[in-house]
């Protein structure tokens, strides 16, 4: 496997390092990570036994694949340091939200560029990632899909504007579920459950529902079909769902996801 360099040593970078090592896709000797924080590099080196450096120039000289994992506001400064140092035909994969592929391709014109949008469940190996290729070949896309499959599931979208939709649906999506869970815990406590028991029940319910939905999806069964199976006529679930319908839950979700998509487009422009 080709050497990989990961610029930025935050949580998502760590998740990817952990995933590609656990999957056997890479050995520690073939991975290098960089970061501006010495303590973070020390932690990554000790925990995962990979190479580390505070110098991005050293990293791009070492790696045939470069993964950009810095915050969006740090991308310009980072590119200033590597754009004339990076090797020709390097595969560059960026997870920096809001940094469009055209900008990366302009700054790194000798490279193959792929933009990726993972989400935070990648930190537990259950991420959802969408990929868009600016100019990468089929081999580059297949490599990127394999890389992000090590921390969950990966899909490829055909146009970059769809990355804004991806950001709204799956990039920000975990927060929507967390909000629902938060309010379910509050409701349980308000009606008398101890807080720890309410939290245990909600977390396990979310986990189980997600696993069930995932299994059903693999068999071609939709969330709507699962919902109908759980909803007995005149029962408790129907009573709750009638309230969701009365207060236009579907419209609320559509508006929220659309707002996230619009904001993603604004940040990318």
C-alpha atoms as a PDB file:
ATOM      1  CA  UNK A   1       0.000   0.000   0.000  1.00  0.00           C
ATOM      2  CA  UNK A   2       1.211   3.496  -0.800  1.00  0.00           C
ATOM      3  CA  UNK A   3       2.498   5.705   2.000  1.00  0.00           C
ATOM      4  CA  UNK A   4      -0.088   8.092   3.448  1.00  0.00           C
ATOM      5  CA  UNK A   5       0.401  11.425   5.160  1.00  0.00           C
ATOM      6  CA  UNK A   6      -2.310  12.952   7.335  1.00  0.00           C
ATOM      7  CA  UNK A   7      -2.117  16.704   7.863  1.00  0.00           C
ATOM      8  CA  UNK A   8      -3.862  17.511  11.125  1.00  0.00           C
ATOM      9  CA  UNK A   9      -4.036  15.250  14.140  1.00  0.00           C
ATOM     10  CA  UNK A  10      -7.535  15.863  15.485  1.00  0.00           C
ATOM     11  CA  UNK A  11     -10.299  13.403  16.305  1.00  0.00           C
ATOM     12  CA  UNK A  12     -11.228  12.599  12.713  1.00  0.00           C
ATOM     13  CA  UNK A  13      -7.592  12.078  11.751  1.00  0.00           C
ATOM     14  CA  UNK A  14      -7.178   9.747  14.709  1.00  0.00           C
ATOM     15  CA  UNK A  15     -10.319   7.843  13.722  1.00  0.00           C
ATOM     16  CA  UNK A  16      -8.933   7.316  10.226  1.00  0.00           C
ATOM     17  CA  UNK A  17      -5.543   6.207  11.542  1.00  0.00           C
ATOM     18  CA  UNK A  18      -7.215   3.758  13.908  1.00  0.00           C
ATOM     19  CA  UNK A  19      -9.509   2.477  11.146  1.00  0.00           C
ATOM     20  CA  UNK A  20      -6.879   1.884   8.485  1.00  0.00           C
ATOM     21  CA  UNK A  21      -4.632   0.151  11.002  1.00  0.00           C
ATOM     22  CA  UNK A  22      -7.442  -2.033  12.391  1.00  0.00           C
ATOM     23  CA  UNK A  23      -8.583  -3.020   8.906  1.00  0.00           C
ATOM     24  CA  UNK A  24      -5.068  -4.026   7.897  1.00  0.00           C
ATOM     25  CA  UNK A  25      -5.084  -1.515   5.050  1.00  0.00           C
ATOM     26  CA  UNK A  26      -1.919   0.071   6.429  1.00  0.00           C
ATOM     27  CA  UNK A  27       0.972  -0.745   8.724  1.00  0.00           C
ATOM     28  CA  UNK A  28       2.243   1.941  11.146  1.00  0.00           C
ATOM     29  CA  UNK A  29       5.486   2.364   9.204  1.00  0.00           C
ATOM     30  CA  UNK A  30       3.540   3.553   6.148  1.00  0.00           C
ATOM     31  CA  UNK A  31       1.640   6.329   7.928  1.00  0.00           C
ATOM     32  CA  UNK A  32       2.857   9.810   8.859  1.00  0.00           C
ATOM     33  CA  UNK A  33       0.821  12.429  10.726  1.00  0.00           C
ATOM     34  CA  UNK A  34       1.540  16.111  11.231  1.00  0.00           C
ATOM     35  CA  UNK A  35       0.111  18.669  13.631  1.00  0.00           C
ATOM     36  CA  UNK A  36       1.063  22.006  15.158  1.00  0.00           C
ATOM     37  CA  UNK A  37       0.608  20.591  18.679  1.00  0.00           C
ATOM     38  CA  UNK A  38       3.635  18.623  19.948  1.00  0.00           C
ATOM     39  CA  UNK A  39       1.565  16.939  22.648  1.00  0.00           C
ATOM     40  CA  UNK A  40      -0.902  15.665  20.059  1.00  0.00           C
ATOM     41  CA  UNK A  41       1.873  14.229  17.900  1.00  0.00           C
ATOM     42  CA  UNK A  42       3.386  12.571  20.946  1.00  0.00           C
ATOM     43  CA  UNK A  43       0.037  10.962  21.770  1.00  0.00           C
ATOM     44  CA  UNK A  44      -0.518   9.702  18.213  1.00  0.00           C
ATOM     45  CA  UNK A  45       3.020   8.326  17.960  1.00  0.00           C
ATOM     46  CA  UNK A  46       2.770   6.486  21.273  1.00  0.00           C
ATOM     47  CA  UNK A  47      -0.764   5.188  20.723  1.00  0.00           C
ATOM     48  CA  UNK A  48      -0.534   4.070  17.096  1.00  0.00           C
ATOM     49  CA  UNK A  49       3.249   3.742  16.524  1.00  0.00           C
ATOM     50  CA  UNK A  50       3.042   5.799  13.318  1.00  0.00           C
ATOM     51  CA  UNK A  51       5.563   8.355  12.114  1.00  0.00           C
ATOM     52  CA  UNK A  52       4.895  11.966  13.111  1.00  0.00           C
ATOM     53  CA  UNK A  53       6.298  15.350  12.157  1.00  0.00           C
ATOM     54  CA  UNK A  54       5.540  19.016  12.876  1.00  0.00           C
ATOM     55  CA  UNK A  55       6.657  19.801   9.309  1.00  0.00           C
ATOM     56  CA  UNK A  56       4.114  19.473   6.491  1.00  0.00           C
ATOM     57  CA  UNK A  57       6.879  19.764   3.897  1.00  0.00           C
ATOM     58  CA  UNK A  58       8.479  16.619   5.308  1.00  0.00           C
ATOM     59  CA  UNK A  59       5.110  14.882   5.220  1.00  0.00           C
ATOM     60  CA  UNK A  60       4.312  15.645   1.556  1.00  0.00           C
ATOM     61  CA  UNK A  61       7.815  14.570   0.581  1.00  0.00           C
ATOM     62  CA  UNK A  62       7.195  11.235   2.328  1.00  0.00           C
ATOM     63  CA  UNK A  63       3.620  10.448   1.282  1.00  0.00           C
ATOM     64  CA  UNK A  64       2.091   9.380  -2.023  1.00  0.00           C
ATOM     65  CA  UNK A  65      -1.378  10.013  -0.592  1.00  0.00           C
ATOM     66  CA  UNK A  66      -2.077  13.164   1.439  1.00  0.00           C
ATOM     67  CA  UNK A  67      -5.171  13.498   3.608  1.00  0.00           C
ATOM     68  CA  UNK A  68      -6.064  17.060   4.633  1.00  0.00           C
ATOM     69  CA  UNK A  69      -7.697  16.977   8.062  1.00  0.00           C
ATOM     70  CA  UNK A  70      -7.190  20.566   9.236  1.00  0.00           C
ATOM     71  CA  UNK A  71      -9.946  23.022  10.102  1.00  0.00           C
ATOM     72  CA  UNK A  72     -11.307  24.947   7.085  1.00  0.00           C
ATOM     73  CA  UNK A  73      -9.907  28.255   8.348  1.00  0.00           C
ATOM     74  CA  UNK A  74      -6.415  26.727   8.419  1.00  0.00           C
ATOM     75  CA  UNK A  75      -6.436  25.335   4.875  1.00  0.00           C
ATOM     76  CA  UNK A  76      -5.053  28.421   3.089  1.00  0.00           C
ATOM     77  CA  UNK A  77      -2.048  28.706   5.400  1.00  0.00           C
ATOM     78  CA  UNK A  78      -1.430  24.973   5.175  1.00  0.00           C
ATOM     79  CA  UNK A  79      -1.531  25.066   1.363  1.00  0.00           C
ATOM     80  CA  UNK A  80       0.868  28.025   1.327  1.00  0.00           C
ATOM     81  CA  UNK A  81       3.439  25.726   2.882  1.00  0.00           C
ATOM     82  CA  UNK A  82       3.007  22.692   0.638  1.00  0.00           C
ATOM     83  CA  UNK A  83       1.737  23.747  -2.793  1.00  0.00           C
ATOM     84  CA  UNK A  84       5.213  24.025  -4.324  1.00  0.00           C
ATOM     85  CA  UNK A  85       6.624  21.096  -2.363  1.00  0.00           C
ATOM     86  CA  UNK A  86       4.074  18.361  -2.978  1.00  0.00           C
ATOM     87  CA  UNK A  87       5.012  15.696  -5.512  1.00  0.00           C
ATOM     88  CA  UNK A  88       3.396  15.440  -8.933  1.00  0.00           C
ATOM     89  CA  UNK A  89       0.370  13.130  -9.179  1.00  0.00           C
ATOM     90  CA  UNK A  90      -0.072  12.932  -5.403  1.00  0.00           C
ATOM     91  CA  UNK A  91      -3.575  11.841  -4.459  1.00  0.00           C
ATOM     92  CA  UNK A  92      -4.938  14.564  -2.153  1.00  0.00           C
ATOM     93  CA  UNK A  93      -8.117  13.876  -0.166  1.00  0.00           C
ATOM     94  CA  UNK A  94      -9.601  16.763   1.800  1.00  0.00           C
ATOM     95  CA  UNK A  95     -12.159  16.487   4.584  1.00  0.00           C
ATOM     96  CA  UNK A  96     -12.113  20.254   5.239  1.00  0.00           C
ATOM     97  CA  UNK A  97     -15.774  21.298   5.181  1.00  0.00           C
ATOM     98  CA  UNK A  98     -16.624  24.157   2.846  1.00  0.00           C
ATOM     99  CA  UNK A  99     -13.360  24.052   0.897  1.00  0.00           C
ATOM    100  CA  UNK A 100     -14.407  23.263  -2.648  1.00  0.00           C
ATOM    101  CA  UNK A 101     -12.510  21.006  -5.007  1.00  0.00           C
ATOM    102  CA  UNK A 102     -11.901  23.764  -7.566  1.00  0.00           C
ATOM    103  CA  UNK A 103      -9.952  25.782  -4.998  1.00  0.00           C
ATOM    104  CA  UNK A 104      -7.861  22.768  -4.018  1.00  0.00           C
ATOM    105  CA  UNK A 105      -7.242  21.869  -7.663  1.00  0.00           C
ATOM    106  CA  UNK A 106      -6.120  25.425  -8.398  1.00  0.00           C
ATOM    107  CA  UNK A 107      -3.681  25.464  -5.491  1.00  0.00           C
ATOM    108  CA  UNK A 108      -2.449  21.902  -6.064  1.00  0.00           C
ATOM    109  CA  UNK A 109      -2.647  21.755  -9.843  1.00  0.00           C
ATOM    110  CA  UNK A 110      -0.184  18.867 -10.163  1.00  0.00           C
ATOM    111  CA  UNK A 111      -2.261  16.614  -7.903  1.00  0.00           C
ATOM    112  CA  UNK A 112      -5.339  14.397  -8.106  1.00  0.00           C
ATOM    113  CA  UNK A 113      -8.024  15.906  -5.861  1.00  0.00           C
ATOM    114  CA  UNK A 114     -10.874  14.224  -3.998  1.00  0.00           C
ATOM    115  CA  UNK A 115     -13.177  15.949  -1.552  1.00  0.00           C
ATOM    116  CA  UNK A 116     -14.640  13.876   1.281  1.00  0.00           C
ATOM    117  CA  UNK A 117     -17.392  14.563   3.800  1.00  0.00           C
ATOM    118  CA  UNK A 118     -17.249  12.080   6.694  1.00  0.00           C
ATOM    119  CA  UNK A 119     -19.232  12.409   9.907  1.00  0.00           C
ATOM    120  CA  UNK A 120     -18.342  11.996  13.565  1.00  0.00           C
ATOM    121  CA  UNK A 121     -19.476   8.353  13.988  1.00  0.00           C
ATOM    122  CA  UNK A 122     -16.280   7.568  12.071  1.00  0.00           C
ATOM    123  CA  UNK A 123     -14.682   7.895  15.507  1.00  0.00           C
ATOM    124  CA  UNK A 124     -16.327   4.595  16.456  1.00  0.00           C
ATOM    125  CA  UNK A 125     -15.901   2.984  13.047  1.00  0.00           C
ATOM    126  CA  UNK A 126     -19.478   3.716  11.956  1.00  0.00           C
ATOM    127  CA  UNK A 127     -19.096   6.831   9.850  1.00  0.00           C
ATOM    128  CA  UNK A 128     -20.895   7.776   6.657  1.00  0.00           C
ATOM    129  CA  UNK A 129     -18.679   9.437   4.055  1.00  0.00           C
ATOM    130  CA  UNK A 130     -19.459  10.901   0.652  1.00  0.00           C
ATOM    131  CA  UNK A 131     -16.720  11.423  -1.934  1.00  0.00           C
ATOM    132  CA  UNK A 132     -16.468  13.750  -4.916  1.00  0.00           C
ATOM    133  CA  UNK A 133     -13.612  13.571  -7.412  1.00  0.00           C
ATOM    134  CA  UNK A 134     -12.383  16.793  -8.969  1.00  0.00           C
ATOM    135  CA  UNK A 135      -9.886  15.147 -11.293  1.00  0.00           C
ATOM    136  CA  UNK A 136      -8.892  11.826  -9.747  1.00  0.00           C
ATOM    137  CA  UNK A 137      -8.857   8.667 -11.811  1.00  0.00           C
ATOM    138  CA  UNK A 138     -10.884   5.537 -11.127  1.00  0.00           C
ATOM    139  CA  UNK A 139      -8.065   4.076  -9.059  1.00  0.00           C
ATOM    140  CA  UNK A 140      -7.985   7.192  -6.898  1.00  0.00           C
ATOM    141  CA  UNK A 141     -11.715   7.044  -6.205  1.00  0.00           C
ATOM    142  CA  UNK A 142     -11.559   3.334  -5.423  1.00  0.00           C
ATOM    143  CA  UNK A 143      -8.687   3.968  -3.028  1.00  0.00           C
ATOM    144  CA  UNK A 144     -10.596   6.773  -1.252  1.00  0.00           C
ATOM    145  CA  UNK A 145     -13.683   4.576  -0.949  1.00  0.00           C
ATOM    146  CA  UNK A 146     -11.594   1.805   0.587  1.00  0.00           C
ATOM    147  CA  UNK A 147      -9.940   4.277   2.966  1.00  0.00           C
ATOM    148  CA  UNK A 148     -13.225   5.618   4.348  1.00  0.00           C
ATOM    149  CA  UNK A 149     -14.812   2.172   4.377  1.00  0.00           C
ATOM    150  CA  UNK A 150     -12.279   1.429   7.119  1.00  0.00           C
ATOM    151  CA  UNK A 151     -14.242   3.838   9.358  1.00  0.00           C
ATOM    152  CA  UNK A 152     -17.782   3.066   8.184  1.00  0.00           C
ATOM    153  CA  UNK A 153     -19.403   3.335   4.764  1.00  0.00           C
ATOM    154  CA  UNK A 154     -18.451   5.415   1.735  1.00  0.00           C
ATOM    155  CA  UNK A 155     -20.425   6.539  -1.303  1.00  0.00           C
ATOM    156  CA  UNK A 156     -19.458   8.569  -4.370  1.00  0.00           C
ATOM    157  CA  UNK A 157     -21.496  11.528  -5.657  1.00  0.00           C
ATOM    158  CA  UNK A 158     -21.280  12.744  -9.239  1.00  0.00           C
ATOM    159  CA  UNK A 159     -21.470  16.517  -8.777  1.00  0.00           C
ATOM    160  CA  UNK A 160     -19.935  18.737  -6.125  1.00  0.00           C
ATOM    161  CA  UNK A 161     -23.153  20.602  -5.350  1.00  0.00           C
ATOM    162  CA  UNK A 162     -24.446  17.341  -3.881  1.00  0.00           C
ATOM    163  CA  UNK A 163     -21.747  17.631  -1.211  1.00  0.00           C
ATOM    164  CA  UNK A 164     -23.853  20.413   0.325  1.00  0.00           C
ATOM    165  CA  UNK A 165     -26.777  17.996   0.520  1.00  0.00           C
ATOM    166  CA  UNK A 166     -24.495  15.346   2.009  1.00  0.00           C
ATOM    167  CA  UNK A 167     -23.296  17.860   4.590  1.00  0.00           C
ATOM    168  CA  UNK A 168     -26.903  18.587   5.557  1.00  0.00           C
ATOM    169  CA  UNK A 169     -28.050  14.956   5.644  1.00  0.00           C
ATOM    170  CA  UNK A 170     -25.138  12.972   7.066  1.00  0.00           C
ATOM    171  CA  UNK A 171     -22.423  15.496   7.952  1.00  0.00           C
ATOM    172  CA  UNK A 172     -24.669  17.389  10.366  1.00  0.00           C
ATOM    173  CA  UNK A 173     -27.058  14.453  10.738  1.00  0.00           C
ATOM    174  CA  UNK A 174     -25.687  12.989  13.980  1.00  0.00           C
ATOM    175  CA  UNK A 175     -26.617  16.202  15.789  1.00  0.00           C
ATOM    176  CA  UNK A 176     -30.257  15.781  14.731  1.00  0.00           C
ATOM    177  CA  UNK A 177     -30.377  12.341  16.316  1.00  0.00           C
ATOM    178  CA  UNK A 178     -28.580  13.603  19.423  1.00  0.00           C
ATOM    179  CA  UNK A 179     -31.173  16.371  19.782  1.00  0.00           C
ATOM    180  CA  UNK A 180     -34.022  13.857  19.585  1.00  0.00           C
ATOM    181  CA  UNK A 181     -32.280  11.677  22.158  1.00  0.00           C
ATOM    182  CA  UNK A 182     -31.700  14.677  24.414  1.00  0.00           C
ATOM    183  CA  UNK A 183     -35.383  15.577  24.366  1.00  0.00           C
ATOM    184  CA  UNK A 184     -36.483  11.964  24.912  1.00  0.00           C
ATOM    185  CA  UNK A 185     -34.281  11.775  28.018  1.00  0.00           C
ATOM    186  CA  UNK A 186     -35.772  15.045  29.292  1.00  0.00           C
ATOM    187  CA  UNK A 187     -39.287  13.739  28.714  1.00  0.00           C
ATOM    188  CA  UNK A 188     -38.539  10.533  30.592  1.00  0.00           C
ATOM    189  CA  UNK A 189     -37.089  12.455  33.537  1.00  0.00           C
ATOM    190  CA  UNK A 190     -40.019  14.878  33.579  1.00  0.00           C
ATOM    191  CA  UNK A 191     -42.407  11.925  33.838  1.00  0.00           C
ATOM    192  CA  UNK A 192     -40.510  10.345  36.713  1.00  0.00           C
ATOM    193  CA  UNK A 193     -37.619   8.220  35.414  1.00  0.00           C
ATOM    194  CA  UNK A 194     -34.233   8.654  37.106  1.00  0.00           C
ATOM    195  CA  UNK A 195     -31.920  10.512  34.732  1.00  0.00           C
ATOM    196  CA  UNK A 196     -29.414   7.664  34.429  1.00  0.00           C
ATOM    197  CA  UNK A 197     -32.122   5.131  33.606  1.00  0.00           C
ATOM    198  CA  UNK A 198     -33.727   7.466  31.056  1.00  0.00           C
ATOM    199  CA  UNK A 199     -30.335   7.999  29.393  1.00  0.00           C
ATOM    200  CA  UNK A 200     -29.580   4.255  29.374  1.00  0.00           C
ATOM    201  CA  UNK A 201     -32.917   3.456  27.770  1.00  0.00           C
ATOM    202  CA  UNK A 202     -32.680   6.179  25.137  1.00  0.00           C
ATOM    203  CA  UNK A 203     -29.089   5.369  24.179  1.00  0.00           C
ATOM    204  CA  UNK A 204     -29.822   1.661  23.853  1.00  0.00           C
ATOM    205  CA  UNK A 205     -33.018   2.378  21.924  1.00  0.00           C
ATOM    206  CA  UNK A 206     -31.106   4.600  19.499  1.00  0.00           C
ATOM    207  CA  UNK A 207     -28.412   1.963  19.071  1.00  0.00           C
ATOM    208  CA  UNK A 208     -30.919  -0.829  18.520  1.00  0.00           C
ATOM    209  CA  UNK A 209     -33.085   1.197  16.148  1.00  0.00           C
ATOM    210  CA  UNK A 210     -30.012   2.148  14.112  1.00  0.00           C
ATOM    211  CA  UNK A 211     -28.839  -1.450  13.881  1.00  0.00           C
ATOM    212  CA  UNK A 212     -32.315  -2.630  12.945  1.00  0.00           C
ATOM    213  CA  UNK A 213     -32.673   0.067  10.287  1.00  0.00           C
ATOM    214  CA  UNK A 214     -29.258  -0.777   8.878  1.00  0.00           C
ATOM    215  CA  UNK A 215     -30.104  -4.466   8.673  1.00  0.00           C
ATOM    216  CA  UNK A 216     -33.447  -3.704   7.069  1.00  0.00           C
ATOM    217  CA  UNK A 217     -31.830  -1.325   4.554  1.00  0.00           C
ATOM    218  CA  UNK A 218     -29.496  -4.113   3.438  1.00  0.00           C
ATOM    219  CA  UNK A 219     -32.611  -6.189   2.704  1.00  0.00           C
ATOM    220  CA  UNK A 220     -34.351  -3.396   0.816  1.00  0.00           C
ATOM    221  CA  UNK A 221     -36.702  -2.416   3.642  1.00  0.00           C
ATOM    222  CA  UNK A 222     -37.230   1.306   4.279  1.00  0.00           C
ATOM    223  CA  UNK A 223     -37.459   3.211   7.581  1.00  0.00           C
ATOM    224  CA  UNK A 224     -41.106   3.945   6.720  1.00  0.00           C
ATOM    225  CA  UNK A 225     -41.819   0.218   6.567  1.00  0.00           C
ATOM    226  CA  UNK A 226     -40.098  -0.348   9.906  1.00  0.00           C
ATOM    227  CA  UNK A 227     -42.107   2.475  11.446  1.00  0.00           C
ATOM    228  CA  UNK A 228     -45.361   0.908  10.283  1.00  0.00           C
ATOM    229  CA  UNK A 229     -44.368  -2.445  11.815  1.00  0.00           C
ATOM    230  CA  UNK A 230     -43.883  -0.805  15.224  1.00  0.00           C
ATOM    231  CA  UNK A 231     -47.130   1.182  15.042  1.00  0.00           C
ATOM    232  CA  UNK A 232     -50.158  -0.802  16.197  1.00  0.00           C
ATOM    233  CA  UNK A 233     -53.561   0.782  15.489  1.00  0.00           C
ATOM    234  CA  UNK A 234     -54.805   2.570  18.574  1.00  0.00           C
ATOM    235  CA  UNK A 235     -51.571   1.884  20.451  1.00  0.00           C
ATOM    236  CA  UNK A 236     -48.989   3.971  22.271  1.00  0.00           C
ATOM    237  CA  UNK A 237     -46.688   4.490  19.275  1.00  0.00           C
ATOM    238  CA  UNK A 238     -49.581   5.720  17.153  1.00  0.00           C
ATOM    239  CA  UNK A 239     -50.510   8.198  19.897  1.00  0.00           C
ATOM    240  CA  UNK A 240     -47.003   9.652  19.818  1.00  0.00           C
ATOM    241  CA  UNK A 241     -46.791   9.721  16.036  1.00  0.00           C
ATOM    242  CA  UNK A 242     -50.113  11.558  15.814  1.00  0.00           C
ATOM    243  CA  UNK A 243     -48.526  14.391  17.798  1.00  0.00           C
ATOM    244  CA  UNK A 244     -45.549  14.464  15.411  1.00  0.00           C
ATOM    245  CA  UNK A 245     -47.991  14.698  12.523  1.00  0.00           C
ATOM    246  CA  UNK A 246     -50.109  17.376  14.212  1.00  0.00           C
ATOM    247  CA  UNK A 247     -47.051  19.577  14.689  1.00  0.00           C
ATOM    248  CA  UNK A 248     -45.757  18.933  11.151  1.00  0.00           C
ATOM    249  CA  UNK A 249     -42.620  17.027  12.086  1.00  0.00           C
ATOM    250  CA  UNK A 250     -42.004  16.225   8.414  1.00  0.00           C
ATOM    251  CA  UNK A 251     -42.036  19.892   7.421  1.00  0.00           C
ATOM    252  CA  UNK A 252     -39.744  20.775  10.320  1.00  0.00           C
ATOM    253  CA  UNK A 253     -37.171  18.176   9.265  1.00  0.00           C
ATOM    254  CA  UNK A 254     -37.301  19.303   5.630  1.00  0.00           C
ATOM    255  CA  UNK A 255     -36.782  22.926   6.648  1.00  0.00           C
ATOM    256  CA  UNK A 256     -33.915  22.067   8.995  1.00  0.00           C
ATOM    257  CA  UNK A 257     -32.033  19.946   6.457  1.00  0.00           C
ATOM    258  CA  UNK A 258     -32.616  22.556   3.744  1.00  0.00           C
ATOM    259  CA  UNK A 259     -31.224  25.273   6.029  1.00  0.00           C
ATOM    260  CA  UNK A 260     -28.108  23.187   6.647  1.00  0.00           C
ATOM    261  CA  UNK A 261     -27.703  22.589   2.901  1.00  0.00           C
ATOM    262  CA  UNK A 262     -28.088  26.305   2.129  1.00  0.00           C
ATOM    263  CA  UNK A 263     -25.557  27.221   4.786  1.00  0.00           C
ATOM    264  CA  UNK A 264     -23.092  24.686   3.427  1.00  0.00           C
ATOM    265  CA  UNK A 265     -23.439  26.292   0.000  1.00  0.00           C
ATOM    266  CA  UNK A 266     -22.797  29.736   1.467  1.00  0.00           C
ATOM    267  CA  UNK A 267     -19.667  28.529   3.245  1.00  0.00           C
ATOM    268  CA  UNK A 268     -18.390  26.849   0.072  1.00  0.00           C
ATOM    269  CA  UNK A 269     -18.853  29.875  -2.184  1.00  0.00           C
END
